[in-house]
Amino acid sequence: MPISMANPGETVIIRRITGSDKIKNHLAELGFVVDGEVTIINKIDNSVICNVKGSRIALSEQMANRIMF
């Protein structure tokens, strides 16, 4: 299931990241890696705000749909 489906306050473990190598590398630079922990902080409009490795990051819903838990 993509992290865009997780509820605010929920902590999930990333199991898979889909997309091109360029997208996967970009997400890895932001801290989204397989077996990494992500806490969903909030969902606003078409964005998902996450806490990853101590940083808050806002992702578009389209990008969040590429990160599976």
N, C-alpha and C. Protein backbone atom coordinates (compact mmCIF):
# COMPACT_ATOMS: atom_id res chain seq x y z
N MET A 1 0.85 -1.17 0.00
CA MET A 1 0.00 0.00 0.00
C MET A 1 0.91 1.25 0.00
N PRO A 2 0.55 2.30 -0.74
CA PRO A 2 1.37 3.52 -0.75
C PRO A 2 1.21 4.31 0.54
N ILE A 3 2.24 5.08 0.90
CA ILE A 3 2.18 5.85 2.15
C ILE A 3 1.09 6.92 2.10
N SER A 4 0.63 7.26 0.92
CA SER A 4 -0.47 8.23 0.83
C SER A 4 -1.76 7.67 1.44
N MET A 5 -1.83 6.35 1.65
CA MET A 5 -3.00 5.72 2.24
C MET A 5 -2.88 5.59 3.77
N ALA A 6 -1.70 5.86 4.32
CA ALA A 6 -1.51 5.77 5.77
C ALA A 6 -2.20 6.95 6.45
N ASN A 7 -2.59 6.76 7.68
CA ASN A 7 -3.28 7.80 8.45
C ASN A 7 -2.28 8.69 9.17
N PRO A 8 -2.62 9.97 9.36
CA PRO A 8 -1.75 10.86 10.14
C PRO A 8 -1.48 10.27 11.52
N GLY A 9 -0.23 10.35 11.93
CA GLY A 9 0.19 9.78 13.21
C GLY A 9 0.72 8.36 13.10
N GLU A 10 0.48 7.72 11.98
CA GLU A 10 0.91 6.34 11.78
C GLU A 10 2.38 6.29 11.35
N THR A 11 3.12 5.35 11.90
CA THR A 11 4.51 5.11 11.51
C THR A 11 4.56 3.82 10.72
N VAL A 12 5.19 3.87 9.54
CA VAL A 12 5.25 2.71 8.66
C VAL A 12 6.70 2.44 8.27
N ILE A 13 6.95 1.22 7.82
CA ILE A 13 8.26 0.82 7.32
C ILE A 13 8.16 0.71 5.80
N ILE A 14 9.07 1.36 5.09
CA ILE A 14 9.07 1.33 3.62
C ILE A 14 9.48 -0.07 3.15
N ARG A 15 8.67 -0.65 2.30
CA ARG A 15 8.96 -1.99 1.77
C ARG A 15 9.42 -1.95 0.31
N ARG A 16 8.99 -0.92 -0.44
CA ARG A 16 9.34 -0.86 -1.87
C ARG A 16 9.17 0.57 -2.35
N ILE A 17 10.00 0.97 -3.30
CA ILE A 17 9.87 2.27 -3.95
C ILE A 17 9.82 2.01 -5.45
N THR A 18 8.79 2.56 -6.10
CA THR A 18 8.62 2.34 -7.53
C THR A 18 9.02 3.59 -8.30
N GLY A 19 9.23 3.42 -9.60
CA GLY A 19 9.57 4.55 -10.45
C GLY A 19 10.93 4.35 -11.10
N SER A 20 11.34 5.37 -11.84
CA SER A 20 12.64 5.31 -12.53
C SER A 20 13.77 5.43 -11.53
N ASP A 21 14.98 5.13 -11.98
CA ASP A 21 16.15 5.25 -11.11
C ASP A 21 16.33 6.68 -10.63
N LYS A 22 16.00 7.64 -11.47
CA LYS A 22 16.13 9.06 -11.10
C LYS A 22 15.21 9.39 -9.92
N ILE A 23 13.98 8.90 -9.98
CA ILE A 23 13.02 9.13 -8.89
C ILE A 23 13.46 8.41 -7.63
N LYS A 24 13.89 7.17 -7.76
CA LYS A 24 14.35 6.41 -6.59
C LYS A 24 15.54 7.09 -5.92
N ASN A 25 16.48 7.58 -6.72
CA ASN A 25 17.65 8.27 -6.17
C ASN A 25 17.24 9.56 -5.46
N HIS A 26 16.32 10.30 -6.06
CA HIS A 26 15.85 11.55 -5.44
C HIS A 26 15.20 11.26 -4.09
N LEU A 27 14.34 10.25 -4.03
CA LEU A 27 13.69 9.89 -2.77
C LEU A 27 14.71 9.39 -1.75
N ALA A 28 15.73 8.66 -2.21
CA ALA A 28 16.78 8.17 -1.29
C ALA A 28 17.54 9.35 -0.70
N GLU A 29 17.80 10.38 -1.50
CA GLU A 29 18.49 11.57 -1.00
C GLU A 29 17.67 12.28 0.07
N LEU A 30 16.35 12.17 -0.01
CA LEU A 30 15.47 12.78 0.98
C LEU A 30 15.32 11.91 2.23
N GLY A 31 15.81 10.65 2.16
CA GLY A 31 15.75 9.76 3.31
C GLY A 31 14.76 8.61 3.17
N PHE A 32 14.08 8.53 2.04
CA PHE A 32 13.11 7.45 1.82
C PHE A 32 13.84 6.25 1.22
N VAL A 33 14.18 5.29 2.08
CA VAL A 33 14.90 4.09 1.65
C VAL A 33 14.15 2.86 2.15
N VAL A 34 14.34 1.75 1.45
CA VAL A 34 13.70 0.49 1.84
C VAL A 34 14.14 0.13 3.25
N ASP A 35 13.20 -0.31 4.06
CA ASP A 35 13.35 -0.65 5.48
C ASP A 35 13.49 0.59 6.36
N GLY A 36 13.32 1.78 5.78
CA GLY A 36 13.34 3.01 6.57
C GLY A 36 11.99 3.28 7.20
N GLU A 37 12.00 4.01 8.30
CA GLU A 37 10.78 4.33 9.03
C GLU A 37 10.28 5.72 8.63
N VAL A 38 8.97 5.83 8.40
CA VAL A 38 8.35 7.10 8.02
C VAL A 38 7.12 7.30 8.90
N THR A 39 6.99 8.49 9.48
CA THR A 39 5.80 8.84 10.24
C THR A 39 5.00 9.85 9.44
N ILE A 40 3.73 9.57 9.23
CA ILE A 40 2.86 10.49 8.51
C ILE A 40 2.40 11.55 9.51
N ILE A 41 2.70 12.80 9.22
CA ILE A 41 2.34 13.89 10.12
C ILE A 41 0.96 14.43 9.78
N ASN A 42 0.73 14.70 8.50
CA ASN A 42 -0.54 15.28 8.08
C ASN A 42 -0.72 15.11 6.59
N LYS A 43 -1.94 15.27 6.15
CA LYS A 43 -2.27 15.29 4.73
C LYS A 43 -3.02 16.59 4.47
N ILE A 44 -2.49 17.39 3.56
CA ILE A 44 -3.11 18.67 3.23
C ILE A 44 -3.29 18.73 1.72
N ASP A 45 -4.53 18.93 1.28
CA ASP A 45 -4.85 18.95 -0.15
C ASP A 45 -4.26 17.72 -0.83
N ASN A 46 -3.34 17.91 -1.76
CA ASN A 46 -2.74 16.78 -2.48
C ASN A 46 -1.31 16.55 -2.03
N SER A 47 -1.01 16.84 -0.76
CA SER A 47 0.34 16.65 -0.23
C SER A 47 0.31 15.76 1.00
N VAL A 48 1.40 15.06 1.20
CA VAL A 48 1.58 14.23 2.39
C VAL A 48 2.81 14.76 3.11
N ILE A 49 2.65 15.13 4.38
CA ILE A 49 3.77 15.63 5.17
C ILE A 49 4.25 14.49 6.05
N CYS A 50 5.55 14.18 5.92
CA CYS A 50 6.14 13.04 6.60
C CYS A 50 7.31 13.46 7.47
N ASN A 51 7.61 12.65 8.47
CA ASN A 51 8.81 12.80 9.26
C ASN A 51 9.72 11.64 8.89
N VAL A 52 10.88 11.96 8.31
CA VAL A 52 11.84 10.94 7.88
C VAL A 52 13.20 11.30 8.47
N LYS A 53 13.74 10.43 9.27
CA LYS A 53 15.07 10.63 9.86
C LYS A 53 15.18 12.00 10.53
N GLY A 54 14.14 12.40 11.24
CA GLY A 54 14.17 13.65 11.99
C GLY A 54 13.85 14.90 11.19
N SER A 55 13.52 14.76 9.90
CA SER A 55 13.19 15.91 9.06
C SER A 55 11.75 15.81 8.57
N ARG A 56 11.09 16.96 8.50
CA ARG A 56 9.74 16.99 7.92
C ARG A 56 9.85 17.26 6.43
N ILE A 57 9.18 16.42 5.66
CA ILE A 57 9.24 16.54 4.21
C ILE A 57 7.83 16.45 3.66
N ALA A 58 7.50 17.38 2.76
CA ALA A 58 6.20 17.36 2.09
C ALA A 58 6.37 16.74 0.71
N LEU A 59 5.55 15.76 0.41
CA LEU A 59 5.57 15.10 -0.89
C LEU A 59 4.23 15.30 -1.57
N SER A 60 4.27 15.41 -2.89
CA SER A 60 3.01 15.41 -3.63
C SER A 60 2.39 14.03 -3.48
N GLU A 61 1.09 13.96 -3.65
CA GLU A 61 0.41 12.67 -3.54
C GLU A 61 0.95 11.70 -4.60
N GLN A 62 1.28 12.23 -5.77
CA GLN A 62 1.83 11.39 -6.85
C GLN A 62 3.16 10.76 -6.43
N MET A 63 4.02 11.53 -5.78
CA MET A 63 5.30 11.00 -5.32
C MET A 63 5.10 10.04 -4.15
N ALA A 64 4.17 10.38 -3.25
CA ALA A 64 3.90 9.50 -2.10
C ALA A 64 3.34 8.15 -2.56
N ASN A 65 2.65 8.14 -3.67
CA ASN A 65 2.10 6.87 -4.19
C ASN A 65 3.20 5.92 -4.68
N ARG A 66 4.41 6.41 -4.84
CA ARG A 66 5.53 5.57 -5.28
C ARG A 66 6.21 4.85 -4.12
N ILE A 67 5.89 5.25 -2.89
CA ILE A 67 6.54 4.68 -1.71
C ILE A 67 5.55 3.73 -1.03
N MET A 68 5.90 2.45 -1.03
CA MET A 68 5.00 1.41 -0.52
C MET A 68 5.41 0.94 0.86
N PHE A 69 4.40 0.65 1.70
CA PHE A 69 4.68 0.05 3.01
C PHE A 69 3.95 -1.25 3.15
